[in-house]
Protein backbone atom coordinates (compact mmCIF):
# COMPACT_ATOMS: atom_id res chain seq x y z
CA MET A 1 0.01 -0.04 0.02
CA THR A 2 1.53 3.30 -1.05
CA PHE A 3 0.63 6.94 -0.24
CA GLN A 4 -0.05 7.48 -3.98
CA GLN A 5 -2.60 4.51 -3.98
CA LEU A 6 -4.41 5.99 -1.10
CA GLN A 7 -4.54 9.49 -2.79
CA TYR A 8 -5.91 7.79 -5.92
CA LEU A 9 -8.57 5.95 -3.89
CA LEU A 10 -9.69 9.23 -2.25
CA GLN A 11 -10.06 10.91 -5.61
CA VAL A 12 -11.88 7.95 -7.14
CA SER A 13 -14.26 7.99 -4.12
CA HIS A 14 -14.74 11.75 -4.51
CA SER A 15 -15.43 11.60 -8.18
CA GLY A 16 -17.17 8.24 -8.45
CA SER A 17 -15.24 7.47 -11.64
CA ILE A 18 -11.70 6.28 -12.35
CA SER A 19 -11.49 8.42 -15.61
CA GLN A 20 -12.73 11.54 -13.80
CA ALA A 21 -10.27 10.80 -10.97
CA ALA A 22 -7.43 10.44 -13.47
CA LYS A 23 -8.34 13.84 -15.02
CA SER A 24 -8.33 15.45 -11.70
CA LEU A 25 -4.99 13.91 -10.75
CA PHE A 26 -3.47 14.72 -14.15
CA VAL A 27 -2.51 11.05 -14.70
CA SER A 28 -3.64 8.37 -17.23
CA GLN A 29 -6.79 6.48 -16.54
CA PRO A 30 -4.90 3.12 -16.61
CA SER A 31 -2.49 4.40 -13.93
CA VAL A 32 -5.45 4.98 -11.57
CA SER A 33 -7.12 1.74 -12.45
CA VAL A 34 -3.94 -0.34 -11.94
CA ALA A 35 -3.38 1.33 -8.59
CA VAL A 36 -6.92 0.58 -7.36
CA SER A 37 -6.85 -3.02 -8.70
CA SER A 38 -3.40 -3.71 -7.18
CA LEU A 39 -4.55 -2.44 -3.78
CA GLU A 40 -7.74 -4.55 -3.98
CA GLU A 41 -5.57 -7.56 -4.74
CA GLU A 42 -3.11 -6.78 -1.92
CA LEU A 43 -6.02 -6.43 0.54
CA GLY A 44 -7.93 -9.38 -0.73
CA PHE A 45 -11.26 -7.59 -1.16
CA PRO A 46 -12.89 -5.12 -3.46
CA ILE A 47 -12.82 -1.46 -2.44
CA PHE A 48 -15.45 -0.33 -4.86
CA THR A 49 -18.52 -1.77 -6.49
CA ARG A 50 -18.52 -1.09 -10.17
CA THR A 51 -21.90 -0.18 -11.68
CA GLN A 52 -23.02 1.49 -14.89
CA ARG A 53 -23.46 4.72 -12.81
CA GLY A 54 -19.93 4.67 -11.53
CA LEU A 55 -18.18 3.38 -8.45
CA SER A 56 -19.30 3.21 -4.89
CA PRO A 57 -17.38 1.95 -1.82
CA THR A 58 -18.07 -1.43 -0.45
CA PRO A 59 -18.50 -1.79 3.33
CA GLU A 60 -14.77 -2.81 3.62
CA GLY A 61 -13.86 -0.04 1.13
CA LEU A 62 -15.42 2.60 3.45
CA LEU A 63 -12.96 1.46 6.12
CA VAL A 64 -10.06 1.63 3.73
CA LEU A 65 -11.24 5.12 2.64
CA GLU A 66 -11.45 6.29 6.27
CA TYR A 67 -7.89 5.13 6.80
CA ALA A 68 -6.73 6.88 3.69
CA GLN A 69 -8.38 10.04 4.76
CA ARG A 70 -6.55 9.95 8.02
CA ILE A 71 -3.14 9.27 6.44
CA CYS A 72 -3.51 11.83 3.62
CA SER A 73 -4.90 14.64 5.71
């Protein structure tokens, strides 16, 4: 888990979209997608539920986002 991954997670959560998060962070969409997927694999559970309307945190994801907010603040 890296500081950058946590920042990406917070931006994805804020925007509800990996592509919008990438635009806000001035990085490529695949960079954000890989960071989120890698972290989900490392933790062993999904952080976001992917729907046609965007992304929303899973219950476990909410805990990770709370942790990320504390670390990045």
